[in-house]
Amino acid sequence: MFKKKSKEKFNTLVLDPVKGFALEYVDKPEGRQWHYGRQLVYLMQRCNGTMTSVELPPKMGETPEKLYRALFWEKEAEILFTLRNTMLEKLKVLGMYALIGILLLFIFLIFSSL
């Protein structure tokens, strides 16, 4: 009685200035495929009802992975800024005391020789 529609896989990320962006199925997409999530999709723009391929620069300054990490780094920041090496902090304090002691010794030697 009811025909089951053939499930068409979304293959294009469509940029629309009015509606925003969404994944859609396009019969004959043009351009280069890009990674979006876990799939390869074409990048197209809808302008006045027509679909045109969007061309991005062939060489980007940073990789998309670095850009993603720069934008969403809250999880990494929590890990990085909560870890503290107490042994290293103790060595820094001991080193500062040693430098102050050596400085005081040199000051004493200079004043005693006058």
PDB file of N, CA and C in Angstrom:
ATOM      1  N   MET A   1       0.805  -1.167   0.000  1.00  0.00           N
ATOM      2  CA  MET A   1       0.000   0.000   0.000  1.00  0.00           C
ATOM      3  C   MET A   1       0.871   1.262   0.000  1.00  0.00           C
ATOM      4  N   PHE A   2       1.713   1.420   0.992  1.00  0.00           N
ATOM      5  CA  PHE A   2       2.602   2.573   1.025  1.00  0.00           C
ATOM      6  C   PHE A   2       3.960   2.183   0.475  1.00  0.00           C
ATOM      7  N   LYS A   3       4.468   3.025  -0.404  1.00  0.00           N
ATOM      8  CA  LYS A   3       5.805   2.771  -0.917  1.00  0.00           C
ATOM      9  C   LYS A   3       6.823   3.367   0.045  1.00  0.00           C
ATOM     10  N   LYS A   4       7.835   2.590   0.322  1.00  0.00           N
ATOM     11  CA  LYS A   4       8.888   3.078   1.187  1.00  0.00           C
ATOM     12  C   LYS A   4       9.865   3.901   0.357  1.00  0.00           C
ATOM     13  N   LYS A   5      10.098   5.108   0.783  1.00  0.00           N
ATOM     14  CA  LYS A   5      11.025   5.961   0.042  1.00  0.00           C
ATOM     15  C   LYS A   5      12.433   5.407   0.178  1.00  0.00           C
ATOM     16  N   SER A   6      13.164   5.478  -0.911  1.00  0.00           N
ATOM     17  CA  SER A   6      14.550   5.032  -0.841  1.00  0.00           C
ATOM     18  C   SER A   6      15.328   6.043  -0.009  1.00  0.00           C
ATOM     19  N   LYS A   7      16.062   5.529   0.913  1.00  0.00           N
ATOM     20  CA  LYS A   7      16.782   6.404   1.820  1.00  0.00           C
ATOM     21  C   LYS A   7      18.002   6.964   1.097  1.00  0.00           C
ATOM     22  N   GLU A   8      17.941   8.264   0.831  1.00  0.00           N
ATOM     23  CA  GLU A   8      19.050   8.912   0.162  1.00  0.00           C
ATOM     24  C   GLU A   8      19.956   9.521   1.218  1.00  0.00           C
ATOM     25  N   LYS A   9      21.224   9.281   1.076  1.00  0.00           N
ATOM     26  CA  LYS A   9      22.186   9.754   2.045  1.00  0.00           C
ATOM     27  C   LYS A   9      22.512  11.217   1.766  1.00  0.00           C
ATOM     28  N   PHE A  10      22.574  12.015   2.809  1.00  0.00           N
ATOM     29  CA  PHE A  10      22.937  13.414   2.641  1.00  0.00           C
ATOM     30  C   PHE A  10      24.375  13.490   2.141  1.00  0.00           C
ATOM     31  N   ASN A  11      24.582  14.188   1.050  1.00  0.00           N
ATOM     32  CA  ASN A  11      25.912  14.246   0.471  1.00  0.00           C
ATOM     33  C   ASN A  11      26.439  15.666   0.289  1.00  0.00           C
ATOM     34  N   THR A  12      25.678  16.672   0.673  1.00  0.00           N
ATOM     35  CA  THR A  12      26.070  18.059   0.427  1.00  0.00           C
ATOM     36  C   THR A  12      25.735  18.917   1.637  1.00  0.00           C
ATOM     37  N   LEU A  13      26.677  19.767   1.994  1.00  0.00           N
ATOM     38  CA  LEU A  13      26.436  20.771   3.018  1.00  0.00           C
ATOM     39  C   LEU A  13      26.076  22.051   2.278  1.00  0.00           C
ATOM     40  N   VAL A  14      24.819  22.459   2.436  1.00  0.00           N
ATOM     41  CA  VAL A  14      24.302  23.606   1.693  1.00  0.00           C
ATOM     42  C   VAL A  14      24.296  24.830   2.596  1.00  0.00           C
ATOM     43  N   LEU A  15      24.946  25.888   2.107  1.00  0.00           N
ATOM     44  CA  LEU A  15      24.968  27.158   2.829  1.00  0.00           C
ATOM     45  C   LEU A  15      23.884  28.051   2.255  1.00  0.00           C
ATOM     46  N   ASP A  16      22.994  28.505   3.105  1.00  0.00           N
ATOM     47  CA  ASP A  16      21.895  29.361   2.670  1.00  0.00           C
ATOM     48  C   ASP A  16      21.947  30.650   3.483  1.00  0.00           C
ATOM     49  N   PRO A  17      22.016  31.816   2.829  1.00  0.00           N
ATOM     50  CA  PRO A  17      22.101  33.068   3.610  1.00  0.00           C
ATOM     51  C   PRO A  17      20.859  33.343   4.446  1.00  0.00           C
ATOM     52  N   VAL A  18      19.718  32.767   4.097  1.00  0.00           N
ATOM     53  CA  VAL A  18      18.485  33.023   4.841  1.00  0.00           C
ATOM     54  C   VAL A  18      18.266  31.967   5.921  1.00  0.00           C
ATOM     55  N   LYS A  19      18.376  30.697   5.557  1.00  0.00           N
ATOM     56  CA  LYS A  19      18.071  29.601   6.475  1.00  0.00           C
ATOM     57  C   LYS A  19      19.273  29.091   7.262  1.00  0.00           C
ATOM     58  N   GLY A  20      20.466  29.457   6.864  1.00  0.00           N
ATOM     59  CA  GLY A  20      21.657  28.935   7.527  1.00  0.00           C
ATOM     60  C   GLY A  20      22.256  27.803   6.723  1.00  0.00           C
ATOM     61  N   PHE A  21      22.787  26.783   7.393  1.00  0.00           N
ATOM     62  CA  PHE A  21      23.374  25.650   6.682  1.00  0.00           C
ATOM     63  C   PHE A  21      22.721  24.355   7.141  1.00  0.00           C
ATOM     64  N   ALA A  22      22.724  23.381   6.222  1.00  0.00           N
ATOM     65  CA  ALA A  22      22.147  22.078   6.542  1.00  0.00           C
ATOM     66  C   ALA A  22      22.672  21.049   5.558  1.00  0.00           C
ATOM     67  N   LEU A  23      22.624  19.801   5.974  1.00  0.00           N
ATOM     68  CA  LEU A  23      22.969  18.706   5.075  1.00  0.00           C
ATOM     69  C   LEU A  23      21.758  18.361   4.231  1.00  0.00           C
ATOM     70  N   GLU A  24      21.981  18.205   2.935  1.00  0.00           N
ATOM     71  CA  GLU A  24      20.894  17.864   2.018  1.00  0.00           C
ATOM     72  C   GLU A  24      21.411  16.864   1.001  1.00  0.00           C
ATOM     73  N   TYR A  25      20.468  16.250   0.293  1.00  0.00           N
ATOM     74  CA  TYR A  25      20.827  15.372  -0.810  1.00  0.00           C
ATOM     75  C   TYR A  25      20.716  16.165  -2.105  1.00  0.00           C
ATOM     76  N   VAL A  26      21.778  16.157  -2.895  1.00  0.00           N
ATOM     77  CA  VAL A  26      21.797  16.818  -4.195  1.00  0.00           C
ATOM     78  C   VAL A  26      22.147  15.750  -5.228  1.00  0.00           C
ATOM     79  N   ASP A  27      21.412  15.752  -6.354  1.00  0.00           N
ATOM     80  CA  ASP A  27      21.614  14.717  -7.368  1.00  0.00           C
ATOM     81  C   ASP A  27      23.030  14.721  -7.952  1.00  0.00           C
ATOM     82  N   LYS A  28      23.441  15.849  -8.483  1.00  0.00           N
ATOM     83  CA  LYS A  28      24.765  15.930  -9.104  1.00  0.00           C
ATOM     84  C   LYS A  28      25.552  17.078  -8.484  1.00  0.00           C
ATOM     85  N   PRO A  29      26.165  16.832  -7.348  1.00  0.00           N
ATOM     86  CA  PRO A  29      26.917  17.913  -6.710  1.00  0.00           C
ATOM     87  C   PRO A  29      28.206  18.207  -7.473  1.00  0.00           C
ATOM     88  N   GLU A  30      28.679  19.437  -7.323  1.00  0.00           N
ATOM     89  CA  GLU A  30      29.893  19.856  -7.997  1.00  0.00           C
ATOM     90  C   GLU A  30      30.944  20.205  -6.959  1.00  0.00           C
ATOM     91  N   GLY A  31      32.181  20.285  -7.389  1.00  0.00           N
ATOM     92  CA  GLY A  31      33.256  20.743  -6.523  1.00  0.00           C
ATOM     93  C   GLY A  31      33.977  19.628  -5.811  1.00  0.00           C
ATOM     94  N   ARG A  32      34.703  20.015  -4.815  1.00  0.00           N
ATOM     95  CA  ARG A  32      35.550  19.108  -4.053  1.00  0.00           C
ATOM     96  C   ARG A  32      34.822  18.622  -2.811  1.00  0.00           C
ATOM     97  N   GLN A  33      35.135  17.411  -2.378  1.00  0.00           N
ATOM     98  CA  GLN A  33      34.533  16.880  -1.161  1.00  0.00           C
ATOM     99  C   GLN A  33      35.359  17.298   0.051  1.00  0.00           C
ATOM    100  N   TRP A  34      34.643  17.576   1.153  1.00  0.00           N
ATOM    101  CA  TRP A  34      35.264  17.996   2.395  1.00  0.00           C
ATOM    102  C   TRP A  34      34.786  17.100   3.517  1.00  0.00           C
ATOM    103  N   HIS A  35      35.598  16.965   4.561  1.00  0.00           N
ATOM    104  CA  HIS A  35      35.203  16.190   5.734  1.00  0.00           C
ATOM    105  C   HIS A  35      34.250  17.013   6.580  1.00  0.00           C
ATOM    106  N   TYR A  36      33.118  16.425   6.911  1.00  0.00           N
ATOM    107  CA  TYR A  36      32.155  17.041   7.823  1.00  0.00           C
ATOM    108  C   TYR A  36      31.681  15.946   8.755  1.00  0.00           C
ATOM    109  N   GLY A  37      32.094  16.026   9.987  1.00  0.00           N
ATOM    110  CA  GLY A  37      31.782  14.944  10.916  1.00  0.00           C
ATOM    111  C   GLY A  37      32.561  13.706  10.526  1.00  0.00           C
ATOM    112  N   ARG A  38      31.856  12.648  10.225  1.00  0.00           N
ATOM    113  CA  ARG A  38      32.516  11.397   9.832  1.00  0.00           C
ATOM    114  C   ARG A  38      32.255  11.033   8.381  1.00  0.00           C
ATOM    115  N   GLN A  39      31.844  12.004   7.600  1.00  0.00           N
ATOM    116  CA  GLN A  39      31.552  11.698   6.205  1.00  0.00           C
ATOM    117  C   GLN A  39      32.132  12.767   5.285  1.00  0.00           C
ATOM    118  N   LEU A  40      32.240  12.436   4.032  1.00  0.00           N
ATOM    119  CA  LEU A  40      32.684  13.377   3.014  1.00  0.00           C
ATOM    120  C   LEU A  40      31.458  14.019   2.377  1.00  0.00           C
ATOM    121  N   VAL A  41      31.452  15.335   2.306  1.00  0.00           N
ATOM    122  CA  VAL A  41      30.324  16.050   1.718  1.00  0.00           C
ATOM    123  C   VAL A  41      30.851  17.118   0.759  1.00  0.00           C
ATOM    124  N   TYR A  42      30.006  17.494  -0.164  1.00  0.00           N
ATOM    125  CA  TYR A  42      30.301  18.614  -1.047  1.00  0.00           C
ATOM    126  C   TYR A  42      29.841  19.892  -0.360  1.00  0.00           C
ATOM    127  N   LEU A  43      30.477  21.002  -0.694  1.00  0.00           N
ATOM    128  CA  LEU A  43      30.120  22.279  -0.103  1.00  0.00           C
ATOM    129  C   LEU A  43      29.531  23.160  -1.198  1.00  0.00           C
ATOM    130  N   MET A  44      28.242  23.479  -1.060  1.00  0.00           N
ATOM    131  CA  MET A  44      27.556  24.278  -2.062  1.00  0.00           C
ATOM    132  C   MET A  44      26.781  25.403  -1.385  1.00  0.00           C
ATOM    133  N   GLN A  45      26.485  26.435  -2.183  1.00  0.00           N
ATOM    134  CA  GLN A  45      25.764  27.592  -1.681  1.00  0.00           C
ATOM    135  C   GLN A  45      24.489  27.785  -2.490  1.00  0.00           C
ATOM    136  N   ARG A  46      23.389  28.034  -1.768  1.00  0.00           N
ATOM    137  CA  ARG A  46      22.133  28.305  -2.434  1.00  0.00           C
ATOM    138  C   ARG A  46      21.953  29.814  -2.493  1.00  0.00           C
ATOM    139  N   CYS A  47      21.828  30.338  -3.705  1.00  0.00           N
ATOM    140  CA  CYS A  47      21.677  31.774  -3.895  1.00  0.00           C
ATOM    141  C   CYS A  47      20.601  31.992  -4.960  1.00  0.00           C
ATOM    142  N   ASN A  48      19.480  32.595  -4.556  1.00  0.00           N
ATOM    143  CA  ASN A  48      18.347  32.836  -5.461  1.00  0.00           C
ATOM    144  C   ASN A  48      17.833  31.547  -6.088  1.00  0.00           C
ATOM    145  N   GLY A  49      17.809  30.475  -5.335  1.00  0.00           N
ATOM    146  CA  GLY A  49      17.274  29.213  -5.820  1.00  0.00           C
ATOM    147  C   GLY A  49      18.248  28.373  -6.628  1.00  0.00           C
ATOM    148  N   THR A  50      19.414  28.879  -6.951  1.00  0.00           N
ATOM    149  CA  THR A  50      20.403  28.103  -7.708  1.00  0.00           C
ATOM    150  C   THR A  50      21.502  27.633  -6.763  1.00  0.00           C
ATOM    151  N   MET A  51      22.046  26.476  -7.067  1.00  0.00           N
ATOM    152  CA  MET A  51      23.118  25.896  -6.256  1.00  0.00           C
ATOM    153  C   MET A  51      24.446  26.110  -6.972  1.00  0.00           C
ATOM    154  N   THR A  52      25.413  26.701  -6.269  1.00  0.00           N
ATOM    155  CA  THR A  52      26.751  26.883  -6.822  1.00  0.00           C
ATOM    156  C   THR A  52      27.760  26.291  -5.855  1.00  0.00           C
ATOM    157  N   SER A  53      28.832  25.796  -6.419  1.00  0.00           N
ATOM    158  CA  SER A  53      29.881  25.202  -5.609  1.00  0.00           C
ATOM    159  C   SER A  53      30.683  26.297  -4.917  1.00  0.00           C
ATOM    160  N   VAL A  54      31.073  26.039  -3.692  1.00  0.00           N
ATOM    161  CA  VAL A  54      31.883  26.993  -2.936  1.00  0.00           C
ATOM    162  C   VAL A  54      33.320  26.509  -2.980  1.00  0.00           C
ATOM    163  N   GLU A  55      34.199  27.372  -3.439  1.00  0.00           N
ATOM    164  CA  GLU A  55      35.612  27.021  -3.515  1.00  0.00           C
ATOM    165  C   GLU A  55      36.358  27.689  -2.370  1.00  0.00           C
ATOM    166  N   LEU A  56      37.016  26.892  -1.587  1.00  0.00           N
ATOM    167  CA  LEU A  56      37.828  27.399  -0.496  1.00  0.00           C
ATOM    168  C   LEU A  56      39.269  27.532  -0.986  1.00  0.00           C
ATOM    169  N   PRO A  57      40.106  28.297  -0.297  1.00  0.00           N
ATOM    170  CA  PRO A  57      41.492  28.447  -0.748  1.00  0.00           C
ATOM    171  C   PRO A  57      42.214  27.102  -0.771  1.00  0.00           C
ATOM    172  N   PRO A  58      43.057  26.879  -1.775  1.00  0.00           N
ATOM    173  CA  PRO A  58      43.723  25.574  -1.874  1.00  0.00           C
ATOM    174  C   PRO A  58      44.692  25.307  -0.723  1.00  0.00           C
ATOM    175  N   LYS A  59      45.303  26.365  -0.191  1.00  0.00           N
ATOM    176  CA  LYS A  59      46.224  26.170   0.920  1.00  0.00           C
ATOM    177  C   LYS A  59      45.793  27.067   2.072  1.00  0.00           C
ATOM    178  N   MET A  60      45.547  26.436   3.198  1.00  0.00           N
ATOM    179  CA  MET A  60      45.142  27.190   4.384  1.00  0.00           C
ATOM    180  C   MET A  60      46.355  27.323   5.296  1.00  0.00           C
ATOM    181  N   GLY A  61      46.385  28.388   6.074  1.00  0.00           N
ATOM    182  CA  GLY A  61      47.505  28.625   6.976  1.00  0.00           C
ATOM    183  C   GLY A  61      47.598  27.577   8.067  1.00  0.00           C
ATOM    184  N   GLU A  62      46.489  27.168   8.606  1.00  0.00           N
ATOM    185  CA  GLU A  62      46.456  26.175   9.678  1.00  0.00           C
ATOM    186  C   GLU A  62      45.567  25.016   9.250  1.00  0.00           C
ATOM    187  N   THR A  63      45.844  23.866   9.813  1.00  0.00           N
ATOM    188  CA  THR A  63      45.018  22.699   9.491  1.00  0.00           C
ATOM    189  C   THR A  63      43.670  22.836  10.194  1.00  0.00           C
ATOM    190  N   PRO A  64      42.636  22.190   9.680  1.00  0.00           N
ATOM    191  CA  PRO A  64      41.326  22.249  10.344  1.00  0.00           C
ATOM    192  C   PRO A  64      41.359  21.687  11.764  1.00  0.00           C
ATOM    193  N   GLU A  65      42.225  20.694  12.010  1.00  0.00           N
ATOM    194  CA  GLU A  65      42.309  20.134  13.351  1.00  0.00           C
ATOM    195  C   GLU A  65      42.830  21.180  14.340  1.00  0.00           C
ATOM    196  N   LYS A  66      43.844  21.958  13.932  1.00  0.00           N
ATOM    197  CA  LYS A  66      44.371  23.003  14.821  1.00  0.00           C
ATOM    198  C   LYS A  66      43.330  24.087  15.045  1.00  0.00           C
ATOM    199  N   LEU A  67      42.601  24.421  14.004  1.00  0.00           N
ATOM    200  CA  LEU A  67      41.556  25.427  14.149  1.00  0.00           C
ATOM    201  C   LEU A  67      40.477  24.945  15.112  1.00  0.00           C
ATOM    202  N   TYR A  68      40.081  23.683  15.010  1.00  0.00           N
ATOM    203  CA  TYR A  68      39.073  23.129  15.909  1.00  0.00           C
ATOM    204  C   TYR A  68      39.574  23.153  17.354  1.00  0.00           C
ATOM    205  N   ARG A  69      40.833  22.737  17.559  1.00  0.00           N
ATOM    206  CA  ARG A  69      41.383  22.737  18.918  1.00  0.00           C
ATOM    207  C   ARG A  69      41.483  24.153  19.467  1.00  0.00           C
ATOM    208  N   ALA A  70      41.757  25.133  18.617  1.00  0.00           N
ATOM    209  CA  ALA A  70      41.846  26.521  19.085  1.00  0.00           C
ATOM    210  C   ALA A  70      40.474  27.050  19.482  1.00  0.00           C
ATOM    211  N   LEU A  71      39.442  26.620  18.791  1.00  0.00           N
ATOM    212  CA  LEU A  71      38.101  27.110  19.097  1.00  0.00           C
ATOM    213  C   LEU A  71      37.482  26.393  20.288  1.00  0.00           C
ATOM    214  N   PHE A  72      37.735  25.093  20.410  1.00  0.00           N
ATOM    215  CA  PHE A  72      37.101  24.288  21.461  1.00  0.00           C
ATOM    216  C   PHE A  72      38.184  23.620  22.304  1.00  0.00           C
ATOM    217  N   TRP A  73      38.802  24.363  23.201  1.00  0.00           N
ATOM    218  CA  TRP A  73      39.896  23.815  23.990  1.00  0.00           C
ATOM    219  C   TRP A  73      39.600  23.798  25.479  1.00  0.00           C
ATOM    220  N   GLU A  74      38.325  23.849  25.857  1.00  0.00           N
ATOM    221  CA  GLU A  74      37.971  23.855  27.264  1.00  0.00           C
ATOM    222  C   GLU A  74      38.418  22.571  27.973  1.00  0.00           C
ATOM    223  N   LYS A  75      38.238  21.429  27.328  1.00  0.00           N
ATOM    224  CA  LYS A  75      38.613  20.164  27.964  1.00  0.00           C
ATOM    225  C   LYS A  75      40.119  20.088  28.178  1.00  0.00           C
ATOM    226  N   GLU A  76      40.889  20.513  27.169  1.00  0.00           N
ATOM    227  CA  GLU A  76      42.341  20.489  27.305  1.00  0.00           C
ATOM    228  C   GLU A  76      42.802  21.483  28.361  1.00  0.00           C
ATOM    229  N   ALA A  77      42.140  22.644  28.428  1.00  0.00           N
ATOM    230  CA  ALA A  77      42.525  23.667  29.400  1.00  0.00           C
ATOM    231  C   ALA A  77      42.292  23.170  30.821  1.00  0.00           C
ATOM    232  N   GLU A  78      41.210  22.445  31.045  1.00  0.00           N
ATOM    233  CA  GLU A  78      40.950  21.898  32.376  1.00  0.00           C
ATOM    234  C   GLU A  78      42.070  20.967  32.800  1.00  0.00           C
ATOM    235  N   ILE A  79      42.514  20.119  31.871  1.00  0.00           N
ATOM    236  CA  ILE A  79      43.573  19.164  32.199  1.00  0.00           C
ATOM    237  C   ILE A  79      44.898  19.889  32.412  1.00  0.00           C
ATOM    238  N   LEU A  80      45.223  20.826  31.529  1.00  0.00           N
ATOM    239  CA  LEU A  80      46.522  21.495  31.607  1.00  0.00           C
ATOM    240  C   LEU A  80      46.667  22.359  32.840  1.00  0.00           C
ATOM    241  N   PHE A  81      45.633  23.085  33.203  1.00  0.00           N
ATOM    242  CA  PHE A  81      45.756  24.029  34.293  1.00  0.00           C
ATOM    243  C   PHE A  81      45.444  23.440  35.660  1.00  0.00           C
ATOM    244  N   THR A  82      44.994  22.198  35.731  1.00  0.00           N
ATOM    245  CA  THR A  82      44.771  21.578  37.032  1.00  0.00           C
ATOM    246  C   THR A  82      45.960  20.729  37.453  1.00  0.00           C
ATOM    247  N   LEU A  83      46.779  20.293  36.504  1.00  0.00           N
ATOM    248  CA  LEU A  83      47.943  19.482  36.846  1.00  0.00           C
ATOM    249  C   LEU A  83      49.058  20.384  37.372  1.00  0.00           C
ATOM    250  N   ARG A  84      49.609  20.049  38.512  1.00  0.00           N
ATOM    251  CA  ARG A  84      50.724  20.799  39.077  1.00  0.00           C
ATOM    252  C   ARG A  84      51.761  19.808  39.560  1.00  0.00           C
ATOM    253  N   ASN A  85      52.990  20.126  39.259  1.00  0.00           N
ATOM    254  CA  ASN A  85      54.082  19.277  39.695  1.00  0.00           C
ATOM    255  C   ASN A  85      54.650  19.869  40.979  1.00  0.00           C
ATOM    256  N   THR A  86      54.331  19.281  42.124  1.00  0.00           N
ATOM    257  CA  THR A  86      54.755  19.833  43.406  1.00  0.00           C
ATOM    258  C   THR A  86      56.260  19.692  43.589  1.00  0.00           C
ATOM    259  N   MET A  87      56.862  18.663  43.030  1.00  0.00           N
ATOM    260  CA  MET A  87      58.299  18.480  43.164  1.00  0.00           C
ATOM    261  C   MET A  87      59.046  19.610  42.458  1.00  0.00           C
ATOM    262  N   LEU A  88      58.568  20.003  41.286  1.00  0.00           N
ATOM    263  CA  LEU A  88      59.199  21.087  40.540  1.00  0.00           C
ATOM    264  C   LEU A  88      59.068  22.407  41.293  1.00  0.00           C
ATOM    265  N   GLU A  89      57.930  22.645  41.919  1.00  0.00           N
ATOM    266  CA  GLU A  89      57.740  23.863  42.706  1.00  0.00           C
ATOM    267  C   GLU A  89      58.674  23.891  43.912  1.00  0.00           C
ATOM    268  N   LYS A  90      58.883  22.741  44.564  1.00  0.00           N
ATOM    269  CA  LYS A  90      59.808  22.678  45.698  1.00  0.00           C
ATOM    270  C   LYS A  90      61.236  22.954  45.243  1.00  0.00           C
ATOM    271  N   LEU A  91      61.618  22.425  44.075  1.00  0.00           N
ATOM    272  CA  LEU A  91      62.961  22.677  43.565  1.00  0.00           C
ATOM    273  C   LEU A  91      63.156  24.147  43.225  1.00  0.00           C
ATOM    274  N   LYS A  92      62.127  24.798  42.717  1.00  0.00           N
ATOM    275  CA  LYS A  92      62.228  26.223  42.414  1.00  0.00           C
ATOM    276  C   LYS A  92      62.459  27.025  43.684  1.00  0.00           C
ATOM    277  N   VAL A  93      61.738  26.710  44.744  1.00  0.00           N
ATOM    278  CA  VAL A  93      61.891  27.424  46.012  1.00  0.00           C
ATOM    279  C   VAL A  93      63.289  27.198  46.584  1.00  0.00           C
ATOM    280  N   LEU A  94      63.772  25.955  46.566  1.00  0.00           N
ATOM    281  CA  LEU A  94      65.115  25.660  47.067  1.00  0.00           C
ATOM    282  C   LEU A  94      66.175  26.372  46.233  1.00  0.00           C
ATOM    283  N   GLY A  95      65.979  26.436  44.938  1.00  0.00           N
ATOM    284  CA  GLY A  95      66.918  27.136  44.062  1.00  0.00           C
ATOM    285  C   GLY A  95      66.968  28.624  44.359  1.00  0.00           C
ATOM    286  N   MET A  96      65.818  29.214  44.628  1.00  0.00           N
ATOM    287  CA  MET A  96      65.783  30.639  44.975  1.00  0.00           C
ATOM    288  C   MET A  96      66.514  30.890  46.292  1.00  0.00           C
ATOM    289  N   TYR A  97      66.330  30.014  47.298  1.00  0.00           N
ATOM    290  CA  TYR A  97      67.038  30.157  48.570  1.00  0.00           C
ATOM    291  C   TYR A  97      68.549  30.037  48.361  1.00  0.00           C
ATOM    292  N   ALA A  98      68.968  29.101  47.517  1.00  0.00           N
ATOM    293  CA  ALA A  98      70.397  28.923  47.249  1.00  0.00           C
ATOM    294  C   ALA A  98      70.973  30.158  46.569  1.00  0.00           C
ATOM    295  N   LEU A  99      70.266  30.725  45.608  1.00  0.00           N
ATOM    296  CA  LEU A  99      70.754  31.928  44.934  1.00  0.00           C
ATOM    297  C   LEU A  99      70.834  33.117  45.888  1.00  0.00           C
ATOM    298  N   ILE A 100      69.866  33.265  46.761  1.00  0.00           N
ATOM    299  CA  ILE A 100      69.888  34.348  47.750  1.00  0.00           C
ATOM    300  C   ILE A 100      71.068  34.162  48.701  1.00  0.00           C
ATOM    301  N   GLY A 101      71.334  32.921  49.122  1.00  0.00           N
ATOM    302  CA  GLY A 101      72.476  32.639  50.002  1.00  0.00           C
ATOM    303  C   GLY A 101      73.800  32.971  49.336  1.00  0.00           C
ATOM    304  N   ILE A 102      73.954  32.583  48.074  1.00  0.00           N
ATOM    305  CA  ILE A 102      75.189  32.890  47.339  1.00  0.00           C
ATOM    306  C   ILE A 102      75.354  34.396  47.173  1.00  0.00           C
ATOM    307  N   LEU A 103      74.275  35.097  46.895  1.00  0.00           N
ATOM    308  CA  LEU A 103      74.319  36.555  46.753  1.00  0.00           C
ATOM    309  C   LEU A 103      74.728  37.221  48.063  1.00  0.00           C
ATOM    310  N   LEU A 104      74.174  36.764  49.173  1.00  0.00           N
ATOM    311  CA  LEU A 104      74.551  37.317  50.477  1.00  0.00           C
ATOM    312  C   LEU A 104      76.024  37.040  50.795  1.00  0.00           C
ATOM    313  N   LEU A 105      76.526  35.858  50.432  1.00  0.00           N
ATOM    314  CA  LEU A 105      77.932  35.527  50.645  1.00  0.00           C
ATOM    315  C   LEU A 105      78.834  36.467  49.844  1.00  0.00           C
ATOM    316  N   PHE A 106      78.492  36.733  48.569  1.00  0.00           N
ATOM    317  CA  PHE A 106      79.296  37.653  47.763  1.00  0.00           C
ATOM    318  C   PHE A 106      79.248  39.073  48.331  1.00  0.00           C
ATOM    319  N   ILE A 107      78.110  39.512  48.805  1.00  0.00           N
ATOM    320  CA  ILE A 107      78.016  40.846  49.411  1.00  0.00           C
ATOM    321  C   ILE A 107      78.890  40.920  50.661  1.00  0.00           C
ATOM    322  N   PHE A 108      78.885  39.884  51.481  1.00  0.00           N
ATOM    323  CA  PHE A 108      79.728  39.853  52.676  1.00  0.00           C
ATOM    324  C   PHE A 108      81.193  39.894  52.306  1.00  0.00           C
ATOM    325  N   LEU A 109      81.611  39.112  51.303  1.00  0.00           N
ATOM    326  CA  LEU A 109      83.012  39.089  50.897  1.00  0.00           C
ATOM    327  C   LEU A 109      83.455  40.444  50.342  1.00  0.00           C
ATOM    328  N   ILE A 110      82.586  41.120  49.607  1.00  0.00           N
ATOM    329  CA  ILE A 110      82.947  42.419  49.043  1.00  0.00           C
ATOM    330  C   ILE A 110      83.111  43.449  50.161  1.00  0.00           C
ATOM    331  N   PHE A 111      82.199  43.494  51.107  1.00  0.00           N
ATOM    332  CA  PHE A 111      82.287  44.487  52.199  1.00  0.00           C
ATOM    333  C   PHE A 111      83.427  44.159  53.169  1.00  0.00           C
ATOM    334  N   SER A 112      83.744  42.894  53.349  1.00  0.00           N
ATOM    335  CA  SER A 112      84.835  42.538  54.278  1.00  0.00           C
ATOM    336  C   SER A 112      86.202  42.844  53.688  1.00  0.00           C
ATOM    337  N   SER A 113      86.307  42.852  52.349  1.00  0.00           N
ATOM    338  CA  SER A 113      87.587  43.171  51.722  1.00  0.00           C
ATOM    339  C   SER A 113      87.853  44.668  51.671  1.00  0.00           C
ATOM    340  N   LEU A 114      86.865  45.510  51.898  1.00  0.00           N
ATOM    341  CA  LEU A 114      87.055  46.962  51.895  1.00  0.00           C
ATOM    342  C   LEU A 114      87.601  47.383  53.171  1.00  0.00           C
TER     343      LEU A 114
END
